[in-house]
Amino acid sequence: MDYLVAAFYRFQPLEGLPERRRRWRSWGEALNLRGTILLAPEGINAALAGDPGAVAEMVGRLREELGLETLPLRESQTTTLPFGRFKMRIKREIVALGRPEINPRQGVGVYVPPEEWNALIQDPEVMAIDTRNAYEVAIGTFPGAVDPQTRRFRDFPDYVRRSLDPEKNPKLALFCTGGIRCEKATALLKRSGFRDVYHLEGGILNYLEKTPPAASLWQGECFVFDERVAVDGGLKRGSHRLCPGCGHPLPSALTLATCPHCAETL
């Protein structure tokens, strides 16, 4: 059986979070869905998997609850459910930057569709920055992109402060897995005085979905936060698995080796 995996986010002020959590969780459980929905005063971030009809029904209900005509999705197919159960959590932020004054609704970078991304990052005047964490970058990224070497997204503001300058780095192009981290990262850059800031619309997953393999500049696999661990250029389950000791993604070829991050015997 093929299951549908759908991910989406929306920065939109939300109130009554405990009641929304109770009601929406009952919907997801009744539809036999798997995945996670994060709720915060700033919005919603969700990744769902299940029967395609059930996922579509849940998305439709959430769209109506949020008062939206459309709810952009990133979708992929899988033959096994990538989540163990259905969870709903209330958080301070739907993506944790640790800077509550940074509000994407007040201004973000320019969205660049996948069809225009290659030309942008090949412009010698543009610095491409991977906003993901170092362990994600290690298994795949765009050629020439800067790796800020962050352990978590909360480290990104410090990287900006230490390593970037609006005068020396006038054109920046950011990318992340599905787009949500770039919303806050580009909002931070705009607030910090950077003028020409761009980000990949829909993130890496949207790029891999929309870009023919022959035209793709992506190198490696893309880490995803579910049991698939990583997906390849065709959005199929990749070749990585998580180390049981430290949780780092490792190539399956290390089955009989030792994890280089924690010395755990695999």
C-alpha atoms as a PDB file:
ATOM      1  CA  MET A   1       0.000   0.000   0.000  1.00  0.00           C
ATOM      2  CA  ASP A   2       1.205   3.497  -0.810  1.00  0.00           C
ATOM      3  CA  TYR A   3       0.878   6.070   1.933  1.00  0.00           C
ATOM      4  CA  LEU A   4       0.832   9.851   1.489  1.00  0.00           C
ATOM      5  CA  VAL A   5       3.237  12.020   3.469  1.00  0.00           C
ATOM      6  CA  ALA A   6       2.155  15.677   3.643  1.00  0.00           C
ATOM      7  CA  ALA A   7       4.027  18.489   5.383  1.00  0.00           C
ATOM      8  CA  PHE A   8       2.972  22.108   5.772  1.00  0.00           C
ATOM      9  CA  TYR A   9       3.377  25.146   7.995  1.00  0.00           C
ATOM     10  CA  ARG A  10       1.691  28.468   8.458  1.00  0.00           C
ATOM     11  CA  PHE A  11       2.758  31.530  10.424  1.00  0.00           C
ATOM     12  CA  GLN A  12      -0.569  32.815  11.697  1.00  0.00           C
ATOM     13  CA  PRO A  13      -1.565  34.011  15.190  1.00  0.00           C
ATOM     14  CA  LEU A  14      -3.402  31.223  17.010  1.00  0.00           C
ATOM     15  CA  GLU A  15      -5.383  31.337  20.232  1.00  0.00           C
ATOM     16  CA  GLY A  16      -7.115  28.658  22.265  1.00  0.00           C
ATOM     17  CA  LEU A  17      -4.287  26.190  21.718  1.00  0.00           C
ATOM     18  CA  PRO A  18      -5.347  23.563  24.328  1.00  0.00           C
ATOM     19  CA  GLU A  19      -8.836  23.314  22.815  1.00  0.00           C
ATOM     20  CA  ARG A  20      -7.460  23.164  19.274  1.00  0.00           C
ATOM     21  CA  ARG A  21      -5.053  20.445  20.372  1.00  0.00           C
ATOM     22  CA  ARG A  22      -7.840  18.362  21.915  1.00  0.00           C
ATOM     23  CA  ARG A  23     -10.165  18.669  18.931  1.00  0.00           C
ATOM     24  CA  TRP A  24      -7.552  18.254  16.197  1.00  0.00           C
ATOM     25  CA  ARG A  25      -5.962  15.283  17.949  1.00  0.00           C
ATOM     26  CA  SER A  26      -9.337  13.509  18.022  1.00  0.00           C
ATOM     27  CA  TRP A  27      -9.661  14.092  14.261  1.00  0.00           C
ATOM     28  CA  GLY A  28      -6.208  12.684  13.524  1.00  0.00           C
ATOM     29  CA  GLU A  29      -6.747   9.624  15.692  1.00  0.00           C
ATOM     30  CA  ALA A  30     -10.150   8.913  14.115  1.00  0.00           C
ATOM     31  CA  LEU A  31      -8.553   9.071  10.648  1.00  0.00           C
ATOM     32  CA  ASN A  32      -5.770   6.706  11.764  1.00  0.00           C
ATOM     33  CA  LEU A  33      -3.072   9.210  10.855  1.00  0.00           C
ATOM     34  CA  ARG A  34       0.563   9.218  11.960  1.00  0.00           C
ATOM     35  CA  GLY A  35       2.844  12.195  12.380  1.00  0.00           C
ATOM     36  CA  THR A  36       3.187  15.378  14.409  1.00  0.00           C
ATOM     37  CA  ILE A  37       1.379  18.711  14.567  1.00  0.00           C
ATOM     38  CA  LEU A  38       3.101  21.525  16.461  1.00  0.00           C
ATOM     39  CA  LEU A  39       1.002  24.446  17.656  1.00  0.00           C
ATOM     40  CA  ALA A  40       2.300  27.761  18.993  1.00  0.00           C
ATOM     41  CA  PRO A  41       0.972  31.297  19.317  1.00  0.00           C
ATOM     42  CA  GLU A  42       2.840  32.055  16.051  1.00  0.00           C
ATOM     43  CA  GLY A  43       1.233  29.279  13.973  1.00  0.00           C
ATOM     44  CA  ILE A  44       1.237  25.611  12.967  1.00  0.00           C
ATOM     45  CA  ASN A  45       3.865  23.172  11.673  1.00  0.00           C
ATOM     46  CA  ALA A  46       2.727  19.705  10.633  1.00  0.00           C
ATOM     47  CA  ALA A  47       3.887  16.472   9.039  1.00  0.00           C
ATOM     48  CA  LEU A  48       1.234  13.808   8.493  1.00  0.00           C
ATOM     49  CA  ALA A  49       1.156  10.362   6.925  1.00  0.00           C
ATOM     50  CA  GLY A  50      -1.567   7.848   6.214  1.00  0.00           C
ATOM     51  CA  ASP A  51      -4.148   6.833   3.673  1.00  0.00           C
ATOM     52  CA  PRO A  52      -4.229   9.567   0.993  1.00  0.00           C
ATOM     53  CA  GLY A  53      -7.952  10.176   1.505  1.00  0.00           C
ATOM     54  CA  ALA A  54      -7.532  10.498   5.268  1.00  0.00           C
ATOM     55  CA  VAL A  55      -4.622  12.922   4.909  1.00  0.00           C
ATOM     56  CA  ALA A  56      -6.644  15.015   2.445  1.00  0.00           C
ATOM     57  CA  GLU A  57      -9.610  15.112   4.838  1.00  0.00           C
ATOM     58  CA  MET A  58      -7.439  16.222   7.756  1.00  0.00           C
ATOM     59  CA  VAL A  59      -5.753  18.914   5.679  1.00  0.00           C
ATOM     60  CA  GLY A  60      -9.158  20.159   4.508  1.00  0.00           C
ATOM     61  CA  ARG A  61     -10.434  20.430   8.076  1.00  0.00           C
ATOM     62  CA  LEU A  62      -7.337  22.296   9.213  1.00  0.00           C
ATOM     63  CA  ARG A  63      -7.550  24.631   6.233  1.00  0.00           C
ATOM     64  CA  GLU A  64     -11.133  25.518   7.191  1.00  0.00           C
ATOM     65  CA  GLU A  65     -10.171  25.979  10.857  1.00  0.00           C
ATOM     66  CA  LEU A  66      -7.409  28.373   9.842  1.00  0.00           C
ATOM     67  CA  GLY A  67      -9.681  30.265   7.461  1.00  0.00           C
ATOM     68  CA  LEU A  68      -7.513  29.591   4.410  1.00  0.00           C
ATOM     69  CA  GLU A  69      -8.526  29.047   0.797  1.00  0.00           C
ATOM     70  CA  THR A  70      -5.423  26.948   0.207  1.00  0.00           C
ATOM     71  CA  LEU A  71      -2.767  25.322   2.357  1.00  0.00           C
ATOM     72  CA  PRO A  72       0.449  24.666   0.392  1.00  0.00           C
ATOM     73  CA  LEU A  73       1.668  21.119   0.923  1.00  0.00           C
ATOM     74  CA  ARG A  74       4.880  19.216   0.310  1.00  0.00           C
ATOM     75  CA  GLU A  75       3.819  15.702  -0.591  1.00  0.00           C
ATOM     76  CA  SER A  76       5.592  12.404  -1.210  1.00  0.00           C
ATOM     77  CA  GLN A  77       4.682   8.732  -1.408  1.00  0.00           C
ATOM     78  CA  THR A  78       6.022   5.883   0.710  1.00  0.00           C
ATOM     79  CA  THR A  79       5.231   2.198   1.085  1.00  0.00           C
ATOM     80  CA  THR A  80       5.783   2.228   4.859  1.00  0.00           C
ATOM     81  CA  LEU A  81       4.502   4.714   7.423  1.00  0.00           C
ATOM     82  CA  PRO A  82       7.417   6.975   8.411  1.00  0.00           C
ATOM     83  CA  PHE A  83       5.950   7.923  11.813  1.00  0.00           C
ATOM     84  CA  GLY A  84       5.220   5.655  14.743  1.00  0.00           C
ATOM     85  CA  ARG A  85       2.117   7.429  16.049  1.00  0.00           C
ATOM     86  CA  PHE A  86       0.078  10.628  15.908  1.00  0.00           C
ATOM     87  CA  LYS A  87       1.191  13.453  18.210  1.00  0.00           C
ATOM     88  CA  MET A  88       0.088  17.017  18.871  1.00  0.00           C
ATOM     89  CA  ARG A  89       2.253  19.360  20.900  1.00  0.00           C
ATOM     90  CA  ILE A  90       2.005  22.946  22.076  1.00  0.00           C
ATOM     91  CA  LYS A  91       5.300  24.854  21.826  1.00  0.00           C
ATOM     92  CA  ARG A  92       6.574  28.388  22.306  1.00  0.00           C
ATOM     93  CA  GLU A  93       7.643  28.435  18.647  1.00  0.00           C
ATOM     94  CA  ILE A  94       6.821  26.155  15.711  1.00  0.00           C
ATOM     95  CA  VAL A  95      10.489  26.371  14.761  1.00  0.00           C
ATOM     96  CA  ALA A  96      12.815  27.327  17.594  1.00  0.00           C
ATOM     97  CA  LEU A  97      15.073  30.275  16.773  1.00  0.00           C
ATOM     98  CA  GLY A  98      15.007  31.620  20.328  1.00  0.00           C
ATOM     99  CA  ARG A  99      14.364  35.176  19.158  1.00  0.00           C
ATOM    100  CA  PRO A 100      10.682  35.909  19.867  1.00  0.00           C
ATOM    101  CA  GLU A 101      10.907  39.371  18.289  1.00  0.00           C
ATOM    102  CA  ILE A 102      11.578  37.809  14.858  1.00  0.00           C
ATOM    103  CA  ASN A 103       8.192  37.564  13.152  1.00  0.00           C
ATOM    104  CA  PRO A 104       8.079  36.306   9.537  1.00  0.00           C
ATOM    105  CA  ARG A 105       4.716  38.002   9.082  1.00  0.00           C
ATOM    106  CA  GLN A 106       6.549  41.341   9.295  1.00  0.00           C
ATOM    107  CA  GLY A 107       8.827  40.588   6.350  1.00  0.00           C
ATOM    108  CA  VAL A 108      10.951  37.785   4.920  1.00  0.00           C
ATOM    109  CA  GLY A 109      13.287  37.302   1.980  1.00  0.00           C
ATOM    110  CA  VAL A 110      12.230  36.931  -1.644  1.00  0.00           C
ATOM    111  CA  TYR A 111      10.784  33.514  -2.457  1.00  0.00           C
ATOM    112  CA  VAL A 112      12.644  31.861  -5.338  1.00  0.00           C
ATOM    113  CA  PRO A 113      10.824  29.007  -7.128  1.00  0.00           C
ATOM    114  CA  PRO A 114      12.817  25.837  -7.867  1.00  0.00           C
ATOM    115  CA  GLU A 115      12.845  26.695 -11.572  1.00  0.00           C
ATOM    116  CA  GLU A 116      14.926  29.819 -10.852  1.00  0.00           C
ATOM    117  CA  TRP A 117      17.083  28.499  -8.028  1.00  0.00           C
ATOM    118  CA  ASN A 118      19.991  27.118 -10.074  1.00  0.00           C
ATOM    119  CA  ALA A 119      20.608  30.416 -11.800  1.00  0.00           C
ATOM    120  CA  LEU A 120      20.515  32.302  -8.500  1.00  0.00           C
ATOM    121  CA  ILE A 121      23.055  30.186  -6.617  1.00  0.00           C
ATOM    122  CA  GLN A 122      25.374  30.064  -9.633  1.00  0.00           C
ATOM    123  CA  ASP A 123      25.559  33.870  -9.653  1.00  0.00           C
ATOM    124  CA  PRO A 124      29.085  34.699  -8.392  1.00  0.00           C
ATOM    125  CA  GLU A 125      27.740  37.660  -6.430  1.00  0.00           C
ATOM    126  CA  VAL A 126      25.366  35.472  -4.414  1.00  0.00           C
ATOM    127  CA  MET A 127      26.349  33.612  -1.237  1.00  0.00           C
ATOM    128  CA  ALA A 128      24.251  30.468  -0.758  1.00  0.00           C
ATOM    129  CA  ILE A 129      23.788  29.466   2.883  1.00  0.00           C
ATOM    130  CA  ASP A 130      22.484  26.143   4.169  1.00  0.00           C
ATOM    131  CA  THR A 131      20.448  27.031   7.269  1.00  0.00           C
ATOM    132  CA  ARG A 132      20.218  23.438   8.471  1.00  0.00           C
ATOM    133  CA  ASN A 133      22.317  21.843  11.187  1.00  0.00           C
ATOM    134  CA  ALA A 134      25.763  20.412  10.465  1.00  0.00           C
ATOM    135  CA  TYR A 135      24.667  16.767  10.643  1.00  0.00           C
ATOM    136  CA  GLU A 136      22.021  17.469   7.979  1.00  0.00           C
ATOM    137  CA  VAL A 137      24.435  19.319   5.708  1.00  0.00           C
ATOM    138  CA  ALA A 138      26.933  16.457   5.961  1.00  0.00           C
ATOM    139  CA  ILE A 139      24.743  14.036   3.972  1.00  0.00           C
ATOM    140  CA  GLY A 140      23.701  16.416   1.200  1.00  0.00           C
ATOM    141  CA  THR A 141      23.647  20.055   0.094  1.00  0.00           C
ATOM    142  CA  PHE A 142      24.062  22.339  -2.918  1.00  0.00           C
ATOM    143  CA  PRO A 143      27.608  22.755  -4.304  1.00  0.00           C
ATOM    144  CA  GLY A 144      29.403  25.807  -2.983  1.00  0.00           C
ATOM    145  CA  ALA A 145      26.863  26.469  -0.224  1.00  0.00           C
ATOM    146  CA  VAL A 146      28.170  27.735   3.102  1.00  0.00           C
ATOM    147  CA  ASP A 147      27.708  25.420   6.080  1.00  0.00           C
ATOM    148  CA  PRO A 148      27.329  27.559   9.250  1.00  0.00           C
ATOM    149  CA  GLN A 149      28.252  24.489  11.353  1.00  0.00           C
ATOM    150  CA  THR A 150      25.314  24.948  13.704  1.00  0.00           C
ATOM    151  CA  ARG A 151      24.269  22.220  16.148  1.00  0.00           C
ATOM    152  CA  ARG A 152      20.729  23.597  16.351  1.00  0.00           C
ATOM    153  CA  PHE A 153      18.730  26.368  14.708  1.00  0.00           C
ATOM    154  CA  ARG A 154      19.073  28.547  17.817  1.00  0.00           C
ATOM    155  CA  ASP A 155      22.772  28.887  16.914  1.00  0.00           C
ATOM    156  CA  PHE A 156      21.987  30.600  13.599  1.00  0.00           C
ATOM    157  CA  PRO A 157      21.653  34.172  14.990  1.00  0.00           C
ATOM    158  CA  ASP A 158      25.124  33.859  16.505  1.00  0.00           C
ATOM    159  CA  TYR A 159      26.508  32.701  13.143  1.00  0.00           C
ATOM    160  CA  VAL A 160      24.966  35.772  11.479  1.00  0.00           C
ATOM    161  CA  ARG A 161      26.465  38.069  14.096  1.00  0.00           C
ATOM    162  CA  ARG A 162      29.937  36.533  13.833  1.00  0.00           C
ATOM    163  CA  SER A 163      30.247  35.741  10.148  1.00  0.00           C
ATOM    164  CA  LEU A 164      28.040  37.950   8.004  1.00  0.00           C
ATOM    165  CA  ASP A 165      28.063  41.650   7.207  1.00  0.00           C
ATOM    166  CA  PRO A 166      25.440  43.592   5.202  1.00  0.00           C
ATOM    167  CA  GLU A 167      28.187  45.475   3.362  1.00  0.00           C
ATOM    168  CA  LYS A 168      30.442  42.504   2.618  1.00  0.00           C
ATOM    169  CA  ASN A 169      27.648  39.998   1.922  1.00  0.00           C
ATOM    170  CA  PRO A 170      24.973  42.009   0.091  1.00  0.00           C
ATOM    171  CA  LYS A 171      23.253  39.057  -1.685  1.00  0.00           C
ATOM    172  CA  LEU A 172      22.301  35.980   0.295  1.00  0.00           C
ATOM    173  CA  ALA A 173      20.356  32.908  -0.822  1.00  0.00           C
ATOM    174  CA  LEU A 174      19.154  30.621   1.975  1.00  0.00           C
ATOM    175  CA  PHE A 175      17.681  27.139   1.849  1.00  0.00           C
ATOM    176  CA  CYS A 176      16.443  24.486   4.287  1.00  0.00           C
ATOM    177  CA  THR A 177      14.471  21.240   4.238  1.00  0.00           C
ATOM    178  CA  GLY A 178      10.919  22.474   3.744  1.00  0.00           C
ATOM    179  CA  GLY A 179      11.148  26.264   3.932  1.00  0.00           C
ATOM    180  CA  ILE A 180      10.107  26.984   7.508  1.00  0.00           C
ATOM    181  CA  ARG A 181      13.564  27.690   8.944  1.00  0.00           C
ATOM    182  CA  CYS A 182      14.262  30.077   6.085  1.00  0.00           C
ATOM    183  CA  GLU A 183      11.167  32.081   6.986  1.00  0.00           C
ATOM    184  CA  LYS A 184      12.706  32.992  10.323  1.00  0.00           C
ATOM    185  CA  ALA A 185      16.291  33.081   9.086  1.00  0.00           C
ATOM    186  CA  THR A 186      15.521  35.589   6.321  1.00  0.00           C
ATOM    187  CA  ALA A 187      13.310  37.614   8.674  1.00  0.00           C
ATOM    188  CA  LEU A 188      16.299  37.800  11.023  1.00  0.00           C
ATOM    189  CA  LEU A 189      18.604  38.913   8.211  1.00  0.00           C
ATOM    190  CA  LYS A 190      16.186  41.599   7.023  1.00  0.00           C
ATOM    191  CA  ARG A 191      15.887  42.903  10.571  1.00  0.00           C
ATOM    192  CA  SER A 192      19.709  42.888  10.815  1.00  0.00           C
ATOM    193  CA  GLY A 193      20.109  45.199   7.823  1.00  0.00           C
ATOM    194  CA  PHE A 194      20.698  42.779   4.946  1.00  0.00           C
ATOM    195  CA  ARG A 195      19.035  44.046   1.772  1.00  0.00           C
ATOM    196  CA  ASP A 196      19.028  41.363  -0.939  1.00  0.00           C
ATOM    197  CA  VAL A 197      17.888  38.195   0.793  1.00  0.00           C
ATOM    198  CA  TYR A 198      16.375  35.234  -1.046  1.00  0.00           C
ATOM    199  CA  HIS A 199      15.209  31.770  -0.046  1.00  0.00           C
ATOM    200  CA  LEU A 200      14.225  28.597  -1.845  1.00  0.00           C
ATOM    201  CA  GLU A 201      10.442  28.407  -2.006  1.00  0.00           C
ATOM    202  CA  GLY A 202       9.212  25.188  -0.402  1.00  0.00           C
ATOM    203  CA  GLY A 203      12.731  24.198   0.557  1.00  0.00           C
ATOM    204  CA  ILE A 204      14.904  21.348  -0.677  1.00  0.00           C
ATOM    205  CA  LEU A 205      11.985  18.926  -0.809  1.00  0.00           C
ATOM    206  CA  ASN A 206      10.091  21.182  -3.194  1.00  0.00           C
ATOM    207  CA  TYR A 207      13.227  21.591  -5.327  1.00  0.00           C
ATOM    208  CA  LEU A 208      13.744  17.827  -5.558  1.00  0.00           C
ATOM    209  CA  GLU A 209      10.098  17.322  -6.452  1.00  0.00           C
ATOM    210  CA  LYS A 210      10.003  19.993  -9.161  1.00  0.00           C
ATOM    211  CA  THR A 211      13.509  19.716 -10.687  1.00  0.00           C
ATOM    212  CA  PRO A 212      14.266  17.009 -13.280  1.00  0.00           C
ATOM    213  CA  PRO A 213      17.232  14.853 -12.195  1.00  0.00           C
ATOM    214  CA  ALA A 214      19.301  15.955 -15.199  1.00  0.00           C
ATOM    215  CA  ALA A 215      18.912  19.610 -14.180  1.00  0.00           C
ATOM    216  CA  SER A 216      19.298  19.163 -10.419  1.00  0.00           C
ATOM    217  CA  LEU A 217      22.331  20.641  -8.673  1.00  0.00           C
ATOM    218  CA  TRP A 218      21.563  18.822  -5.415  1.00  0.00           C
ATOM    219  CA  GLN A 219      24.334  16.531  -4.199  1.00  0.00           C
ATOM    220  CA  GLY A 220      23.670  13.646  -1.800  1.00  0.00           C
ATOM    221  CA  GLU A 221      20.519  12.956   0.189  1.00  0.00           C
ATOM    222  CA  CYS A 222      18.204  15.175   2.220  1.00  0.00           C
ATOM    223  CA  PHE A 223      17.715  14.493   5.921  1.00  0.00           C
ATOM    224  CA  VAL A 224      14.067  14.297   7.016  1.00  0.00           C
ATOM    225  CA  PHE A 225      12.688  14.183  10.536  1.00  0.00           C
ATOM    226  CA  ASP A 226      10.954  10.816  10.369  1.00  0.00           C
ATOM    227  CA  GLU A 227      11.746   7.133  10.214  1.00  0.00           C
ATOM    228  CA  ARG A 228      12.955   7.376   6.611  1.00  0.00           C
ATOM    229  CA  VAL A 229      15.956   9.355   7.949  1.00  0.00           C
ATOM    230  CA  ALA A 230      16.794  10.719   4.473  1.00  0.00           C
ATOM    231  CA  VAL A 231      15.346  10.852   0.967  1.00  0.00           C
ATOM    232  CA  ASP A 232      17.161  10.754  -2.348  1.00  0.00           C
ATOM    233  CA  GLY A 233      16.771  13.007  -5.383  1.00  0.00           C
ATOM    234  CA  GLY A 234      13.523  11.265  -6.302  1.00  0.00           C
ATOM    235  CA  LEU A 235      12.097  11.712  -2.772  1.00  0.00           C
ATOM    236  CA  LYS A 236      12.389   7.971  -2.174  1.00  0.00           C
ATOM    237  CA  ARG A 237      13.762   6.534   1.075  1.00  0.00           C
ATOM    238  CA  GLY A 238      17.519   7.077   1.096  1.00  0.00           C
ATOM    239  CA  SER A 239      20.498   5.027   2.235  1.00  0.00           C
ATOM    240  CA  HIS A 240      21.001   6.472   5.729  1.00  0.00           C
ATOM    241  CA  ARG A 241      19.947   5.322   9.168  1.00  0.00           C
ATOM    242  CA  LEU A 242      20.344   6.796  12.644  1.00  0.00           C
ATOM    243  CA  CYS A 243      23.120   5.781  15.002  1.00  0.00           C
ATOM    244  CA  PRO A 244      21.489   4.188  18.088  1.00  0.00           C
ATOM    245  CA  GLY A 245      24.035   5.880  20.307  1.00  0.00           C
ATOM    246  CA  CYS A 246      24.053   9.543  19.234  1.00  0.00           C
ATOM    247  CA  GLY A 247      21.281   9.826  16.656  1.00  0.00           C
ATOM    248  CA  HIS A 248      23.498  11.056  13.810  1.00  0.00           C
ATOM    249  CA  PRO A 249      22.503   9.933  10.297  1.00  0.00           C
ATOM    250  CA  LEU A 250      24.964   7.393   8.962  1.00  0.00           C
ATOM    251  CA  PRO A 251      25.296   5.558   5.646  1.00  0.00           C
ATOM    252  CA  SER A 252      23.871   2.043   5.827  1.00  0.00           C
ATOM    253  CA  ALA A 253      27.276   0.813   4.652  1.00  0.00           C
ATOM    254  CA  LEU A 254      28.545   1.362   8.222  1.00  0.00           C
ATOM    255  CA  THR A 255      26.502  -1.585   9.482  1.00  0.00           C
ATOM    256  CA  LEU A 256      29.567  -3.424  10.787  1.00  0.00           C
ATOM    257  CA  ALA A 257      31.623  -0.359  11.578  1.00  0.00           C
ATOM    258  CA  THR A 258      31.866   2.143  14.423  1.00  0.00           C
ATOM    259  CA  CYS A 259      30.024   5.451  14.477  1.00  0.00           C
ATOM    260  CA  PRO A 260      32.603   8.234  13.929  1.00  0.00           C
ATOM    261  CA  HIS A 261      30.597  10.599  16.150  1.00  0.00           C
ATOM    262  CA  CYS A 262      30.255   8.569  19.328  1.00  0.00           C
ATOM    263  CA  ALA A 263      32.272   5.340  18.863  1.00  0.00           C
ATOM    264  CA  GLU A 264      29.091   3.280  19.154  1.00  0.00           C
ATOM    265  CA  THR A 265      29.552  -0.159  17.576  1.00  0.00           C
ATOM    266  CA  LEU A 266      26.894  -0.638  14.892  1.00  0.00           C
END
